PDB file of N, CA and C in Angstrom:
ATOM      1  N   UNK A   1       0.846  -1.196   0.000  1.00  0.00           N
ATOM      2  CA  UNK A   1       0.000   0.000   0.000  1.00  0.00           C
ATOM      3  C   UNK A   1       0.881   1.245   0.000  1.00  0.00           C
ATOM      4  N   UNK A   2       0.649   2.123  -0.957  1.00  0.00           N
ATOM      5  CA  UNK A   2       1.426   3.364  -1.019  1.00  0.00           C
ATOM      6  C   UNK A   2       0.784   4.435  -0.142  1.00  0.00           C
ATOM      7  N   UNK A   3       1.616   5.381   0.284  1.00  0.00           N
ATOM      8  CA  UNK A   3       1.083   6.508   1.053  1.00  0.00           C
ATOM      9  C   UNK A   3       0.337   7.452   0.117  1.00  0.00           C
ATOM     10  N   UNK A   4      -0.615   8.179   0.672  1.00  0.00           N
ATOM     11  CA  UNK A   4      -1.373   9.114  -0.155  1.00  0.00           C
ATOM     12  C   UNK A   4      -2.804   8.634  -0.339  1.00  0.00           C
ATOM     13  N   UNK A   5      -3.462   9.109  -1.385  1.00  0.00           N
ATOM     14  CA  UNK A   5      -4.848   8.731  -1.619  1.00  0.00           C
ATOM     15  C   UNK A   5      -4.911   7.278  -2.088  1.00  0.00           C
ATOM     16  N   UNK A   6      -5.811   6.491  -1.513  1.00  0.00           N
ATOM     17  CA  UNK A   6      -5.929   5.085  -1.921  1.00  0.00           C
ATOM     18  C   UNK A   6      -6.532   4.971  -3.316  1.00  0.00           C
ATOM     19  N   UNK A   7      -6.239   3.898  -4.030  1.00  0.00           N
ATOM     20  CA  UNK A   7      -6.828   3.707  -5.363  1.00  0.00           C
ATOM     21  C   UNK A   7      -8.333   3.472  -5.273  1.00  0.00           C
ATOM     22  N   UNK A   8      -9.011   3.557  -6.419  1.00  0.00           N
ATOM     23  CA  UNK A   8     -10.464   3.389  -6.436  1.00  0.00           C
ATOM     24  C   UNK A   8     -10.851   1.987  -5.973  1.00  0.00           C
ATOM     25  N   UNK A   9      -9.998   1.009  -6.224  1.00  0.00           N
ATOM     26  CA  UNK A   9     -10.310  -0.363  -5.830  1.00  0.00           C
ATOM     27  C   UNK A   9     -10.511  -0.498  -4.332  1.00  0.00           C
ATOM     28  N   UNK A  10      -9.769   0.291  -3.547  1.00  0.00           N
ATOM     29  CA  UNK A  10      -9.914   0.218  -2.089  1.00  0.00           C
ATOM     30  C   UNK A  10     -11.312   0.673  -1.675  1.00  0.00           C
ATOM     31  N   UNK A  11     -11.819   1.722  -2.322  1.00  0.00           N
ATOM     32  CA  UNK A  11     -13.170   2.189  -2.005  1.00  0.00           C
ATOM     33  C   UNK A  11     -14.211   1.131  -2.363  1.00  0.00           C
ATOM     34  N   UNK A  12     -14.000   0.456  -3.506  1.00  0.00           N
ATOM     35  CA  UNK A  12     -14.951  -0.574  -3.924  1.00  0.00           C
ATOM     36  C   UNK A  12     -14.941  -1.728  -2.922  1.00  0.00           C
ATOM     37  N   UNK A  13     -13.739  -2.161  -2.528  1.00  0.00           N
ATOM     38  CA  UNK A  13     -13.656  -3.253  -1.555  1.00  0.00           C
ATOM     39  C   UNK A  13     -14.335  -2.862  -0.247  1.00  0.00           C
ATOM     40  N   UNK A  14     -14.074  -1.629   0.197  1.00  0.00           N
ATOM     41  CA  UNK A  14     -14.673  -1.190   1.464  1.00  0.00           C
ATOM     42  C   UNK A  14     -16.188  -1.139   1.351  1.00  0.00           C
ATOM     43  N   UNK A  15     -16.709  -0.627   0.236  1.00  0.00           N
ATOM     44  CA  UNK A  15     -18.155  -0.547   0.057  1.00  0.00           C
ATOM     45  C   UNK A  15     -18.773  -1.945   0.026  1.00  0.00           C
ATOM     46  N   UNK A  16     -18.100  -2.882  -0.643  1.00  0.00           N
ATOM     47  CA  UNK A  16     -18.618  -4.256  -0.714  1.00  0.00           C
ATOM     48  C   UNK A  16     -18.674  -4.866   0.680  1.00  0.00           C
ATOM     49  N   UNK A  17     -17.611  -4.687   1.453  1.00  0.00           N
ATOM     50  CA  UNK A  17     -17.589  -5.248   2.813  1.00  0.00           C
ATOM     51  C   UNK A  17     -18.705  -4.649   3.656  1.00  0.00           C
ATOM     52  N   UNK A  18     -18.883  -3.329   3.556  1.00  0.00           N
ATOM     53  CA  UNK A  18     -19.934  -2.673   4.348  1.00  0.00           C
ATOM     54  C   UNK A  18     -21.316  -3.185   3.942  1.00  0.00           C
ATOM     55  N   UNK A  19     -21.568  -3.307   2.639  1.00  0.00           N
ATOM     56  CA  UNK A  19     -22.881  -3.773   2.190  1.00  0.00           C
ATOM     57  C   UNK A  19     -23.131  -5.223   2.579  1.00  0.00           C
ATOM     58  N   UNK A  20     -22.060  -6.053   2.552  1.00  0.00           N
ATOM     59  CA  UNK A  20     -22.222  -7.451   2.976  1.00  0.00           C
ATOM     60  C   UNK A  20     -22.583  -7.504   4.457  1.00  0.00           C
ATOM     61  N   UNK A  21     -21.920  -6.695   5.275  1.00  0.00           N
ATOM     62  CA  UNK A  21     -22.235  -6.682   6.707  1.00  0.00           C
ATOM     63  C   UNK A  21     -23.664  -6.202   6.938  1.00  0.00           C
ATOM     64  N   UNK A  22     -24.087  -5.174   6.200  1.00  0.00           N
ATOM     65  CA  UNK A  22     -25.459  -4.676   6.341  1.00  0.00           C
ATOM     66  C   UNK A  22     -26.458  -5.758   5.925  1.00  0.00           C
ATOM     67  N   UNK A  23     -26.171  -6.454   4.827  1.00  0.00           N
ATOM     68  CA  UNK A  23     -27.079  -7.500   4.349  1.00  0.00           C
ATOM     69  C   UNK A  23     -27.170  -8.637   5.363  1.00  0.00           C
ATOM     70  N   UNK A  24     -26.039  -9.028   5.948  1.00  0.00           N
ATOM     71  CA  UNK A  24     -26.054 -10.098   6.949  1.00  0.00           C
ATOM     72  C   UNK A  24     -26.860  -9.670   8.174  1.00  0.00           C
ATOM     73  N   UNK A  25     -26.663  -8.450   8.630  1.00  0.00           N
ATOM     74  CA  UNK A  25     -27.397  -7.970   9.802  1.00  0.00           C
ATOM     75  C   UNK A  25     -28.895  -7.910   9.502  1.00  0.00           C
ATOM     76  N   UNK A  26     -29.265  -7.420   8.324  1.00  0.00           N
ATOM     77  CA  UNK A  26     -30.676  -7.326   7.960  1.00  0.00           C
ATOM     78  C   UNK A  26     -31.302  -8.714   7.856  1.00  0.00           C
ATOM     79  N   UNK A  27     -30.581  -9.656   7.245  1.00  0.00           N
ATOM     80  CA  UNK A  27     -31.100 -11.015   7.114  1.00  0.00           C
ATOM     81  C   UNK A  27     -31.281 -11.647   8.488  1.00  0.00           C
ATOM     82  N   UNK A  28     -30.342 -11.388   9.401  1.00  0.00           N
ATOM     83  CA  UNK A  28     -30.455 -11.950  10.742  1.00  0.00           C
ATOM     84  C   UNK A  28     -31.671 -11.378  11.464  1.00  0.00           C
ATOM     85  N   UNK A  29     -31.905 -10.077  11.310  1.00  0.00           N
ATOM     86  CA  UNK A  29     -33.061  -9.450  11.955  1.00  0.00           C
ATOM     87  C   UNK A  29     -34.353 -10.029  11.389  1.00  0.00           C
ATOM     88  N   UNK A  30     -34.431 -10.155  10.064  1.00  0.00           N
ATOM     89  CA  UNK A  30     -35.637 -10.709   9.437  1.00  0.00           C
ATOM     90  C   UNK A  30     -35.866 -12.140   9.907  1.00  0.00           C
ATOM     91  N   UNK A  31     -34.792 -12.938   9.988  1.00  0.00           N
ATOM     92  CA  UNK A  31     -34.914 -14.329  10.422  1.00  0.00           C
ATOM     93  C   UNK A  31     -35.393 -14.402  11.866  1.00  0.00           C
ATOM     94  N   UNK A  32     -34.852 -13.550  12.732  1.00  0.00           N
ATOM     95  CA  UNK A  32     -35.258 -13.562  14.144  1.00  0.00           C
ATOM     96  C   UNK A  32     -36.721 -13.148  14.279  1.00  0.00           C
ATOM     97  N   UNK A  33     -37.131 -12.126  13.520  1.00  0.00           N
ATOM     98  CA  UNK A  33     -38.524 -11.678  13.590  1.00  0.00           C
ATOM     99  C   UNK A  33     -39.459 -12.782  13.104  1.00  0.00           C
ATOM    100  N   UNK A  34     -39.103 -13.444  12.002  1.00  0.00           N
ATOM    101  CA  UNK A  34     -39.944 -14.521  11.478  1.00  0.00           C
ATOM    102  C   UNK A  34     -40.012 -15.675  12.472  1.00  0.00           C
ATOM    103  N   UNK A  35     -38.877 -16.038  13.073  1.00  0.00           N
ATOM    104  CA  UNK A  35     -38.858 -17.128  14.055  1.00  0.00           C
ATOM    105  C   UNK A  35     -39.674 -16.750  15.284  1.00  0.00           C
ATOM    106  N   UNK A  36     -39.585 -15.482  15.701  1.00  0.00           N
ATOM    107  CA  UNK A  36     -40.329 -15.021  16.874  1.00  0.00           C
ATOM    108  C   UNK A  36     -41.829 -15.094  16.612  1.00  0.00           C
ATOM    109  N   UNK A  37     -42.244 -14.714  15.407  1.00  0.00           N
ATOM    110  CA  UNK A  37     -43.669 -14.771  15.083  1.00  0.00           C
ATOM    111  C   UNK A  37     -44.149 -16.217  14.973  1.00  0.00           C
ATOM    112  N   UNK A  38     -43.328 -17.095  14.420  1.00  0.00           N
ATOM    113  CA  UNK A  38     -43.708 -18.506  14.288  1.00  0.00           C
ATOM    114  C   UNK A  38     -43.830 -19.167  15.655  1.00  0.00           C
ATOM    115  N   UNK A  39     -42.926 -18.839  16.572  1.00  0.00           N
ATOM    116  CA  UNK A  39     -42.924 -19.490  17.883  1.00  0.00           C
ATOM    117  C   UNK A  39     -44.028 -18.953  18.783  1.00  0.00           C
ATOM    118  N   UNK A  40     -44.657 -17.853  18.398  1.00  0.00           N
ATOM    119  CA  UNK A  40     -45.686 -17.278  19.250  1.00  0.00           C
ATOM    120  C   UNK A  40     -46.984 -18.075  19.157  1.00  0.00           C
TER     121      UNK A  40
END
């Protein structure tokens, strides 16, 4: 990694990681809500 402004690829990788984490969290919330409603 060079000093200075990071290449565009770094931004893409970071955005992908953030969106994957958001998708996993959202899927987990939806799964918990569905399981909670089913168990009621």
